[in-house]
Amino acid sequence: MGLTAAEHAFYDENGYVLKQRLIAPDAISQIDREIAGLHERMTEAMPDGVGISWEEFEDEHAPKRIRQLMHSEVVSEGLNRALRCDEMLDIIEALIGPDISLYHSKLLMKAARDGTAIPWHQDYAYWKRDDNAPLMVNCQLALDRADDENGCIQFIPGSHEWGLQEHERAQTSFGVFLPGHYRQRDDAVPVPMEPGDGVFFSALTIHGSGPNESHRDRRMNTFAYNVTGNSQGQCREWLRGHAL
């Protein structure tokens, strides 16, 4: 599949690009079966290696709902296959080169009526160390139809060229965020998606999403990829032409 020249140019200009029908319908159906009832199953028994952040409700009797589940490849063989399939890796290679490592695979459940907003942020604010550069790329894979009503992802086009912005921090899930947490922005572009679509974006692209105010789930999985050995030497090389 890869990226067309026009898609690559769009990514370079805007910091993100949507690839429709990235993953085949039968593969999405398998993932759907594997994560069915996941909220309830994870309250009963959590597999080794999985980390969960739960939605926080004022009503202590409200059912538990997963906000994000780290290492989602553990709970779904379909996700494990998707993260390493040729359709995915061909695009990642076009964006960061052939030396690819998985940074993490994260399932964002955003349950109907209960899924809360994800604040505006740049992923590099989470990942930055003294010995790495913002070479990472995410793919957010749609498992449900996503639109404004159920909280589809939104991007600030061109923000990957602004450098790393000052973020606030809190002891919560998604605890690194730009001032204001989440609010509507005039410069934001929502990206509606169908199941199987994937949107690729830079570690410096500002993104976020509103709450799920619909009766439909908005489940997404984010695969984060890094350049293997993204270390001090590469950081210096990258920084020669970029200001953070």
C-alpha atoms as a PDB file:
ATOM      1  CA  MET A   1       0.000   0.000   0.000  1.00  0.00           C
ATOM      2  CA  GLY A   2       2.498   2.660   1.123  1.00  0.00           C
ATOM      3  CA  LEU A   3       1.913   6.381   0.675  1.00  0.00           C
ATOM      4  CA  THR A   4       1.330   8.180  -2.581  1.00  0.00           C
ATOM      5  CA  ALA A   5       3.435  11.237  -3.338  1.00  0.00           C
ATOM      6  CA  ALA A   6       0.408  13.438  -2.604  1.00  0.00           C
ATOM      7  CA  GLU A   7      -0.215  11.732   0.752  1.00  0.00           C
ATOM      8  CA  HIS A   8       3.432  12.092   1.742  1.00  0.00           C
ATOM      9  CA  ALA A   9       3.360  15.779   0.785  1.00  0.00           C
ATOM     10  CA  PHE A  10       0.190  16.249   2.878  1.00  0.00           C
ATOM     11  CA  TYR A  11       1.899  14.626   5.864  1.00  0.00           C
ATOM     12  CA  ASP A  12       4.977  16.816   5.468  1.00  0.00           C
ATOM     13  CA  GLU A  13       2.830  19.969   5.368  1.00  0.00           C
ATOM     14  CA  ASN A  14       0.244  19.123   8.028  1.00  0.00           C
ATOM     15  CA  GLY A  15       1.914  16.597  10.345  1.00  0.00           C
ATOM     16  CA  TYR A  16      -0.710  13.893   9.797  1.00  0.00           C
ATOM     17  CA  VAL A  17      -2.280  11.888   6.992  1.00  0.00           C
ATOM     18  CA  LEU A  18      -5.350   9.635   6.843  1.00  0.00           C
ATOM     19  CA  LYS A  19      -5.039   6.260   5.113  1.00  0.00           C
ATOM     20  CA  GLN A  20      -8.466   4.817   4.420  1.00  0.00           C
ATOM     21  CA  ARG A  21      -9.061   1.038   4.447  1.00  0.00           C
ATOM     22  CA  LEU A  22      -5.640   0.408   5.959  1.00  0.00           C
ATOM     23  CA  ILE A  23      -6.716  -2.822   7.678  1.00  0.00           C
ATOM     24  CA  ALA A  24      -9.119  -5.258   6.015  1.00  0.00           C
ATOM     25  CA  PRO A  25     -12.692  -5.693   7.342  1.00  0.00           C
ATOM     26  CA  ASP A  26     -12.151  -9.327   8.363  1.00  0.00           C
ATOM     27  CA  ALA A  27      -9.153  -8.311  10.499  1.00  0.00           C
ATOM     28  CA  ILE A  28     -11.204  -5.555  12.152  1.00  0.00           C
ATOM     29  CA  SER A  29     -13.983  -8.079  12.817  1.00  0.00           C
ATOM     30  CA  GLN A  30     -11.475 -10.358  14.548  1.00  0.00           C
ATOM     31  CA  ILE A  31     -10.273  -7.500  16.767  1.00  0.00           C
ATOM     32  CA  ASP A  32     -13.884  -6.592  17.562  1.00  0.00           C
ATOM     33  CA  ARG A  33     -14.561 -10.152  18.726  1.00  0.00           C
ATOM     34  CA  GLU A  34     -11.409 -10.247  20.818  1.00  0.00           C
ATOM     35  CA  ILE A  35     -12.118  -7.021  22.700  1.00  0.00           C
ATOM     36  CA  ALA A  36     -15.856  -7.551  23.166  1.00  0.00           C
ATOM     37  CA  GLY A  37     -16.775  -7.214  26.847  1.00  0.00           C
ATOM     38  CA  LEU A  38     -13.276  -5.969  27.653  1.00  0.00           C
ATOM     39  CA  HIS A  39     -14.397  -3.492  30.344  1.00  0.00           C
ATOM     40  CA  GLU A  40     -15.981  -6.269  32.373  1.00  0.00           C
ATOM     41  CA  ARG A  41     -13.283  -8.861  31.689  1.00  0.00           C
ATOM     42  CA  MET A  42     -10.479  -6.563  32.843  1.00  0.00           C
ATOM     43  CA  THR A  43     -12.256  -5.901  36.153  1.00  0.00           C
ATOM     44  CA  GLU A  44     -12.194  -9.640  36.819  1.00  0.00           C
ATOM     45  CA  ALA A  45      -8.697 -10.587  35.659  1.00  0.00           C
ATOM     46  CA  MET A  46      -5.968  -8.474  34.068  1.00  0.00           C
ATOM     47  CA  PRO A  47      -3.321 -10.305  31.996  1.00  0.00           C
ATOM     48  CA  ASP A  48       0.352  -9.905  32.868  1.00  0.00           C
ATOM     49  CA  GLY A  49       1.967  -6.974  31.099  1.00  0.00           C
ATOM     50  CA  VAL A  50      -1.246  -4.990  30.637  1.00  0.00           C
ATOM     51  CA  GLY A  51      -1.730  -1.576  32.245  1.00  0.00           C
ATOM     52  CA  ILE A  52      -5.110   0.135  32.512  1.00  0.00           C
ATOM     53  CA  SER A  53      -6.290   3.655  33.269  1.00  0.00           C
ATOM     54  CA  TRP A  54      -9.985   3.755  34.159  1.00  0.00           C
ATOM     55  CA  GLU A  55     -12.499   6.504  33.580  1.00  0.00           C
ATOM     56  CA  GLU A  56     -13.201   8.417  36.795  1.00  0.00           C
ATOM     57  CA  PHE A  57     -16.854   8.988  37.738  1.00  0.00           C
ATOM     58  CA  GLU A  58     -18.418  10.833  40.657  1.00  0.00           C
ATOM     59  CA  ASP A  59     -20.935   8.015  41.078  1.00  0.00           C
ATOM     60  CA  GLU A  60     -19.054   5.286  42.928  1.00  0.00           C
ATOM     61  CA  HIS A  61     -21.605   2.732  41.741  1.00  0.00           C
ATOM     62  CA  ALA A  62     -21.091   3.482  38.059  1.00  0.00           C
ATOM     63  CA  PRO A  63     -19.740   0.560  36.002  1.00  0.00           C
ATOM     64  CA  LYS A  64     -15.990   0.606  35.435  1.00  0.00           C
ATOM     65  CA  ARG A  65     -14.969   1.788  31.987  1.00  0.00           C
ATOM     66  CA  ILE A  66     -11.485   1.558  30.485  1.00  0.00           C
ATOM     67  CA  ARG A  67     -10.000   4.855  29.372  1.00  0.00           C
ATOM     68  CA  GLN A  68      -6.794   3.409  27.973  1.00  0.00           C
ATOM     69  CA  LEU A  69      -5.200  -0.035  27.986  1.00  0.00           C
ATOM     70  CA  MET A  70      -1.451  -0.266  27.437  1.00  0.00           C
ATOM     71  CA  HIS A  71       0.099  -3.242  25.627  1.00  0.00           C
ATOM     72  CA  SER A  72      -3.144  -4.003  23.841  1.00  0.00           C
ATOM     73  CA  GLU A  73      -1.394  -6.568  21.639  1.00  0.00           C
ATOM     74  CA  VAL A  74      -1.571  -8.839  24.707  1.00  0.00           C
ATOM     75  CA  VAL A  75      -5.391  -8.904  24.705  1.00  0.00           C
ATOM     76  CA  SER A  76      -5.901  -9.130  20.926  1.00  0.00           C
ATOM     77  CA  GLU A  77      -4.002 -11.267  18.453  1.00  0.00           C
ATOM     78  CA  GLY A  78      -5.666  -9.202  15.714  1.00  0.00           C
ATOM     79  CA  LEU A  79      -4.004  -6.042  17.050  1.00  0.00           C
ATOM     80  CA  ASN A  80      -0.732  -7.925  17.367  1.00  0.00           C
ATOM     81  CA  ARG A  81      -0.955  -8.818  13.680  1.00  0.00           C
ATOM     82  CA  ALA A  82      -2.022  -5.330  12.626  1.00  0.00           C
ATOM     83  CA  LEU A  83       0.949  -3.627  14.268  1.00  0.00           C
ATOM     84  CA  ARG A  84       3.417  -5.725  12.244  1.00  0.00           C
ATOM     85  CA  CYS A  85       1.543  -6.183   8.953  1.00  0.00           C
ATOM     86  CA  ASP A  86       3.061  -5.000   5.658  1.00  0.00           C
ATOM     87  CA  GLU A  87       0.313  -2.423   5.088  1.00  0.00           C
ATOM     88  CA  MET A  88       1.229  -0.723   8.364  1.00  0.00           C
ATOM     89  CA  LEU A  89       5.013  -1.053   8.215  1.00  0.00           C
ATOM     90  CA  ASP A  90       5.311   0.101   4.596  1.00  0.00           C
ATOM     91  CA  ILE A  91       3.834   3.461   5.608  1.00  0.00           C
ATOM     92  CA  ILE A  92       5.907   3.716   8.780  1.00  0.00           C
ATOM     93  CA  GLU A  93       9.040   2.976   6.754  1.00  0.00           C
ATOM     94  CA  ALA A  94       8.133   5.720   4.290  1.00  0.00           C
ATOM     95  CA  LEU A  95       7.918   8.176   7.202  1.00  0.00           C
ATOM     96  CA  ILE A  96      10.841   7.193   9.459  1.00  0.00           C
ATOM     97  CA  GLY A  97      12.964   4.734   7.461  1.00  0.00           C
ATOM     98  CA  PRO A  98      13.532   0.967   7.678  1.00  0.00           C
ATOM     99  CA  ASP A  99      14.842   0.748  11.268  1.00  0.00           C
ATOM    100  CA  ILE A 100      11.514   0.441  13.086  1.00  0.00           C
ATOM    101  CA  SER A 101      10.753  -0.436  16.701  1.00  0.00           C
ATOM    102  CA  LEU A 102       7.377  -0.589  18.415  1.00  0.00           C
ATOM    103  CA  TYR A 103       7.234   1.954  21.244  1.00  0.00           C
ATOM    104  CA  HIS A 104       3.813   0.891  22.474  1.00  0.00           C
ATOM    105  CA  SER A 105       0.349  -0.293  21.465  1.00  0.00           C
ATOM    106  CA  LYS A 106      -2.472   1.435  23.324  1.00  0.00           C
ATOM    107  CA  LEU A 107      -6.225   0.802  23.162  1.00  0.00           C
ATOM    108  CA  LEU A 108      -8.410   3.881  23.692  1.00  0.00           C
ATOM    109  CA  MET A 109     -11.897   2.673  24.559  1.00  0.00           C
ATOM    110  CA  LYS A 110     -13.912   5.938  24.866  1.00  0.00           C
ATOM    111  CA  ALA A 111     -17.146   4.150  25.771  1.00  0.00           C
ATOM    112  CA  ALA A 112     -20.533   5.462  24.678  1.00  0.00           C
ATOM    113  CA  ARG A 113     -21.668   8.354  26.920  1.00  0.00           C
ATOM    114  CA  ASP A 114     -18.813   7.641  29.360  1.00  0.00           C
ATOM    115  CA  GLY A 115     -15.684   8.334  27.306  1.00  0.00           C
ATOM    116  CA  THR A 116     -14.030  11.575  28.368  1.00  0.00           C
ATOM    117  CA  ALA A 117     -11.982  14.088  26.381  1.00  0.00           C
ATOM    118  CA  ILE A 118      -8.299  13.585  25.612  1.00  0.00           C
ATOM    119  CA  PRO A 119      -6.480  16.890  26.185  1.00  0.00           C
ATOM    120  CA  TRP A 120      -4.466  18.733  23.564  1.00  0.00           C
ATOM    121  CA  HIS A 121      -0.869  17.537  23.620  1.00  0.00           C
ATOM    122  CA  GLN A 122       2.194  16.537  21.642  1.00  0.00           C
ATOM    123  CA  ASP A 123       3.349  12.961  22.176  1.00  0.00           C
ATOM    124  CA  TYR A 124       6.986  14.019  22.371  1.00  0.00           C
ATOM    125  CA  ALA A 125       6.162  15.772  25.637  1.00  0.00           C
ATOM    126  CA  TYR A 126       5.643  12.281  27.084  1.00  0.00           C
ATOM    127  CA  TRP A 127       8.608  10.665  25.331  1.00  0.00           C
ATOM    128  CA  LYS A 128      11.326  13.342  25.448  1.00  0.00           C
ATOM    129  CA  ARG A 129      14.626  12.445  27.051  1.00  0.00           C
ATOM    130  CA  ASP A 130      18.106  13.915  26.750  1.00  0.00           C
ATOM    131  CA  ASP A 131      19.118  11.190  24.321  1.00  0.00           C
ATOM    132  CA  ASN A 132      16.285  11.052  21.791  1.00  0.00           C
ATOM    133  CA  ALA A 133      14.741  13.127  19.022  1.00  0.00           C
ATOM    134  CA  PRO A 134      11.060  13.468  17.981  1.00  0.00           C
ATOM    135  CA  LEU A 135      11.377  10.917  15.185  1.00  0.00           C
ATOM    136  CA  MET A 136       8.482   8.776  16.374  1.00  0.00           C
ATOM    137  CA  VAL A 137       5.270   8.313  14.403  1.00  0.00           C
ATOM    138  CA  ASN A 138       1.857   7.137  15.612  1.00  0.00           C
ATOM    139  CA  CYS A 139      -0.857   5.314  13.743  1.00  0.00           C
ATOM    140  CA  GLN A 140      -4.318   5.549  15.276  1.00  0.00           C
ATOM    141  CA  LEU A 141      -6.428   2.694  13.911  1.00  0.00           C
ATOM    142  CA  ALA A 142     -10.223   3.049  13.958  1.00  0.00           C
ATOM    143  CA  LEU A 143     -12.143   0.067  15.311  1.00  0.00           C
ATOM    144  CA  ASP A 144     -15.497   1.909  15.241  1.00  0.00           C
ATOM    145  CA  ARG A 145     -16.878   4.722  13.134  1.00  0.00           C
ATOM    146  CA  ALA A 146     -15.525   7.957  14.589  1.00  0.00           C
ATOM    147  CA  ASP A 147     -17.003  11.420  14.100  1.00  0.00           C
ATOM    148  CA  ASP A 148     -17.559  14.678  15.990  1.00  0.00           C
ATOM    149  CA  GLU A 149     -20.422  13.219  18.021  1.00  0.00           C
ATOM    150  CA  ASN A 150     -18.450  10.370  19.574  1.00  0.00           C
ATOM    151  CA  GLY A 151     -15.138  12.182  19.876  1.00  0.00           C
ATOM    152  CA  CYS A 152     -12.992  11.599  16.797  1.00  0.00           C
ATOM    153  CA  ILE A 153      -9.352  12.653  16.857  1.00  0.00           C
ATOM    154  CA  GLN A 154      -8.538  16.266  15.938  1.00  0.00           C
ATOM    155  CA  PHE A 155      -5.263  17.799  14.756  1.00  0.00           C
ATOM    156  CA  ILE A 156      -3.748  21.266  14.567  1.00  0.00           C
ATOM    157  CA  PRO A 157      -2.354  21.273  11.004  1.00  0.00           C
ATOM    158  CA  GLY A 158       1.271  22.350  10.729  1.00  0.00           C
ATOM    159  CA  SER A 159       1.865  22.248  14.482  1.00  0.00           C
ATOM    160  CA  HIS A 160       4.641  19.662  14.004  1.00  0.00           C
ATOM    161  CA  GLU A 161       6.739  22.606  12.782  1.00  0.00           C
ATOM    162  CA  TRP A 162       6.260  24.650  15.977  1.00  0.00           C
ATOM    163  CA  GLY A 163       8.703  22.737  18.133  1.00  0.00           C
ATOM    164  CA  LEU A 164       7.903  21.250  21.509  1.00  0.00           C
ATOM    165  CA  GLN A 165       5.457  23.452  23.425  1.00  0.00           C
ATOM    166  CA  GLU A 166       5.332  23.949  27.199  1.00  0.00           C
ATOM    167  CA  HIS A 167       3.031  21.334  28.741  1.00  0.00           C
ATOM    168  CA  GLU A 168       1.350  21.089  32.113  1.00  0.00           C
ATOM    169  CA  ARG A 169       1.428  17.886  34.179  1.00  0.00           C
ATOM    170  CA  ALA A 170      -0.992  16.167  36.540  1.00  0.00           C
ATOM    171  CA  GLN A 171      -1.184  12.790  38.266  1.00  0.00           C
ATOM    172  CA  THR A 172      -3.862  11.402  35.947  1.00  0.00           C
ATOM    173  CA  SER A 173      -4.064   9.352  32.781  1.00  0.00           C
ATOM    174  CA  PHE A 174      -3.156  11.656  29.868  1.00  0.00           C
ATOM    175  CA  GLY A 175      -1.434  13.730  32.545  1.00  0.00           C
ATOM    176  CA  VAL A 176       0.720  15.756  30.128  1.00  0.00           C
ATOM    177  CA  PHE A 177      -1.236  18.431  28.294  1.00  0.00           C
ATOM    178  CA  LEU A 178      -1.202  21.922  26.869  1.00  0.00           C
ATOM    179  CA  PRO A 179      -2.696  24.783  28.925  1.00  0.00           C
ATOM    180  CA  GLY A 180      -6.463  24.562  28.980  1.00  0.00           C
ATOM    181  CA  HIS A 181      -6.524  20.734  28.904  1.00  0.00           C
ATOM    182  CA  TYR A 182      -9.219  20.254  26.250  1.00  0.00           C
ATOM    183  CA  ARG A 183     -11.267  23.035  24.692  1.00  0.00           C
ATOM    184  CA  GLN A 184     -12.634  23.746  21.250  1.00  0.00           C
ATOM    185  CA  ARG A 185     -10.099  25.395  18.958  1.00  0.00           C
ATOM    186  CA  ASP A 186     -10.765  27.301  15.747  1.00  0.00           C
ATOM    187  CA  ASP A 187      -7.602  25.889  14.167  1.00  0.00           C
ATOM    188  CA  ALA A 188      -8.466  22.247  14.907  1.00  0.00           C
ATOM    189  CA  VAL A 189      -9.382  19.824  12.117  1.00  0.00           C
ATOM    190  CA  PRO A 190     -11.470  16.750  13.067  1.00  0.00           C
ATOM    191  CA  VAL A 191     -10.683  13.549  11.177  1.00  0.00           C
ATOM    192  CA  PRO A 192     -13.775  11.290  10.841  1.00  0.00           C
ATOM    193  CA  MET A 193     -12.831   7.652  10.302  1.00  0.00           C
ATOM    194  CA  GLU A 194     -14.406   4.339   9.392  1.00  0.00           C
ATOM    195  CA  PRO A 195     -13.396   0.993  10.919  1.00  0.00           C
ATOM    196  CA  GLY A 196     -10.077  -0.055   9.382  1.00  0.00           C
ATOM    197  CA  ASP A 197      -8.905   3.490   8.589  1.00  0.00           C
ATOM    198  CA  GLY A 198      -5.613   4.621  10.074  1.00  0.00           C
ATOM    199  CA  VAL A 199      -4.304   8.134  10.652  1.00  0.00           C
ATOM    200  CA  PHE A 200      -0.545   8.629  10.905  1.00  0.00           C
ATOM    201  CA  PHE A 201       0.921  11.607  12.759  1.00  0.00           C
ATOM    202  CA  SER A 202       4.172  13.050  14.016  1.00  0.00           C
ATOM    203  CA  ALA A 203       5.311  13.051  17.643  1.00  0.00           C
ATOM    204  CA  LEU A 204       5.172  16.865  17.505  1.00  0.00           C
ATOM    205  CA  THR A 205       1.702  17.245  15.966  1.00  0.00           C
ATOM    206  CA  ILE A 206      -0.767  18.732  18.470  1.00  0.00           C
ATOM    207  CA  HIS A 207      -3.855  16.548  18.794  1.00  0.00           C
ATOM    208  CA  GLY A 208      -6.720  15.756  21.141  1.00  0.00           C
ATOM    209  CA  SER A 209     -10.368  14.738  21.088  1.00  0.00           C
ATOM    210  CA  GLY A 210     -13.660  15.656  22.697  1.00  0.00           C
ATOM    211  CA  PRO A 211     -15.836  13.474  24.930  1.00  0.00           C
ATOM    212  CA  ASN A 212     -18.082  10.759  23.570  1.00  0.00           C
ATOM    213  CA  GLU A 213     -21.566  12.252  23.785  1.00  0.00           C
ATOM    214  CA  SER A 214     -23.202   9.572  21.639  1.00  0.00           C
ATOM    215  CA  HIS A 215     -24.692   6.132  22.221  1.00  0.00           C
ATOM    216  CA  ARG A 216     -21.878   4.627  20.123  1.00  0.00           C
ATOM    217  CA  ASP A 217     -18.470   3.452  21.313  1.00  0.00           C
ATOM    218  CA  ARG A 218     -15.397   5.106  19.810  1.00  0.00           C
ATOM    219  CA  ARG A 219     -12.656   2.528  20.149  1.00  0.00           C
ATOM    220  CA  MET A 220      -9.271   3.294  18.636  1.00  0.00           C
ATOM    221  CA  ASN A 221      -5.867   1.664  18.927  1.00  0.00           C
ATOM    222  CA  THR A 222      -2.730   3.754  18.766  1.00  0.00           C
ATOM    223  CA  PHE A 223       0.458   2.076  17.574  1.00  0.00           C
ATOM    224  CA  ALA A 224       3.533   4.185  18.352  1.00  0.00           C
ATOM    225  CA  TYR A 225       6.692   3.489  16.357  1.00  0.00           C
ATOM    226  CA  ASN A 226      10.219   4.757  16.928  1.00  0.00           C
ATOM    227  CA  VAL A 227      13.442   4.696  14.947  1.00  0.00           C
ATOM    228  CA  THR A 228      15.478   1.824  16.360  1.00  0.00           C
ATOM    229  CA  GLY A 229      18.334   3.236  18.424  1.00  0.00           C
ATOM    230  CA  ASN A 230      16.906   6.773  18.486  1.00  0.00           C
ATOM    231  CA  SER A 231      19.729   8.046  20.662  1.00  0.00           C
ATOM    232  CA  GLN A 232      22.040  10.969  21.324  1.00  0.00           C
ATOM    233  CA  GLY A 233      23.898  10.754  18.017  1.00  0.00           C
ATOM    234  CA  GLN A 234      20.703  10.834  15.978  1.00  0.00           C
ATOM    235  CA  CYS A 235      19.321  13.516  18.255  1.00  0.00           C
ATOM    236  CA  ARG A 236      22.244  15.837  17.496  1.00  0.00           C
ATOM    237  CA  GLU A 237      21.917  15.190  13.766  1.00  0.00           C
ATOM    238  CA  TRP A 238      18.196  15.981  13.823  1.00  0.00           C
ATOM    239  CA  LEU A 239      18.619  19.061  15.980  1.00  0.00           C
ATOM    240  CA  ARG A 240      21.006  20.727  13.541  1.00  0.00           C
ATOM    241  CA  GLY A 241      18.054  21.834  11.450  1.00  0.00           C
ATOM    242  CA  HIS A 242      15.277  21.990  14.044  1.00  0.00           C
ATOM    243  CA  ALA A 243      14.556  24.116  17.066  1.00  0.00           C
ATOM    244  CA  LEU A 244      12.755  22.756  20.103  1.00  0.00           C
END
